[in-house]
Amino acid sequence: QVQLVDSGGGLVQTGGSLRLSCAASGRTFSTSAVAWFRQAPGKEREFVSAISWGGGTYYADSVKGRFTISRDNAKNTWYLQMNRLKPEDTAVYSCAGGRPGDTSANYSFLRRYDYWGQGTQVTVSS
């Protein structure tokens, strides 16, 4: 059974930092793209960042320069370092894992990912 457990959310002031983690079990994601999405109240889930199995990184324009995605294949875990947080970053953040060997470039598409974490709340106070 494949399981993704995301963690690291919390309450932080504007300008602060948080580091999210996604620990996977049940299969390796070393040959899969992995990603982070977020969903704010009343809004649709949106793409935040992805990292390909080859290490290429992709970001939404709204987080570029502030967030950094990384992965540790030995630990089957990926991370999202979030710096200079803003109130508009407040959302439930969920990690996502793709299919092995999928080389398609549509990293921001929800349907690209088969596995999802339960979500972790990030709240940025002004």
Foldseek 3Di string as FASTA:
>chain_A
DKAWAKDWADEEAQQAKIKMKIFIDDDFQLQWKKAKWWDDPPGDIWGAKIAHSVGDIDGDPVQPPFWDKDDDRVRSMIMIIGGRDDQVVWTWMKMFIADGPDPDDPVTDPVRTDHMHPTDTHGYHD
